């Protein structure tokens, strides 16, 4: 009688880095330039800064999705993508810089190597502002093209929320259109109980085909005195 004959099957698993190639239909991801990432969590809250704080799509009441920070690039761009994040209570802020390959367009996920995931995951989208903008060289420049970010990867949107630091002034977004008419979207105080330190105002804008988005402006009034408009060159189509 022959001895039993055994066959041993060996399974080999090959691992390919996620950044090497995107699977068909997958959302591409932008990588940081030379690890250009910084973040700060403060127990003492500083005084708030500029007027433009965040431009977001998606549902504002949902919790942020830490591994799904994305930006929508509707018009082909090149150069560098700069991203600033700040919490409404002013305790958290971050800055990142990404390379933009030639003619980058579409929805892109962003590397976000935060060490504060446990804390930030408790924030809602409207409480964690993201300001994304394209530049040709350095982030600290006046020549910026703002882009729409979101805590998720939805491919399309029909409205955006603009988060501003207005000091409580009456505020609206000026919406020029290709028809020659100018529309206005009135802004409201930021919703919720969280302190309004870094930003205090929300502006919901319905996007229409005839809007000249690159010529949006922020208009503020102190009683009857109108302050100079703040330009908001925004690429949404």
Foldseek 3Di string as FASTA:
>chain_A
DDDDDDDDDDDDDDDDDCQPDPDVPDAAAWEFDVPFKDKFFAPDADFADAWFFAKAFDDQFAFFQQQFKKWAFAWFDAAKKKKWKAFQLRRMIMITMTGDPGRDGFMYGYDDPDPCCVPRRPHTNLGMGMWMWGDRYDPPDPDTETTYIYRHGDRDGFKMKTWTADVPFFKWKWWAFPVRDIDIFTKDFRDDDRHRRHTTIITMDGDDPGTQQQFMWMWTDDVPRTDDIHGHGYDDD
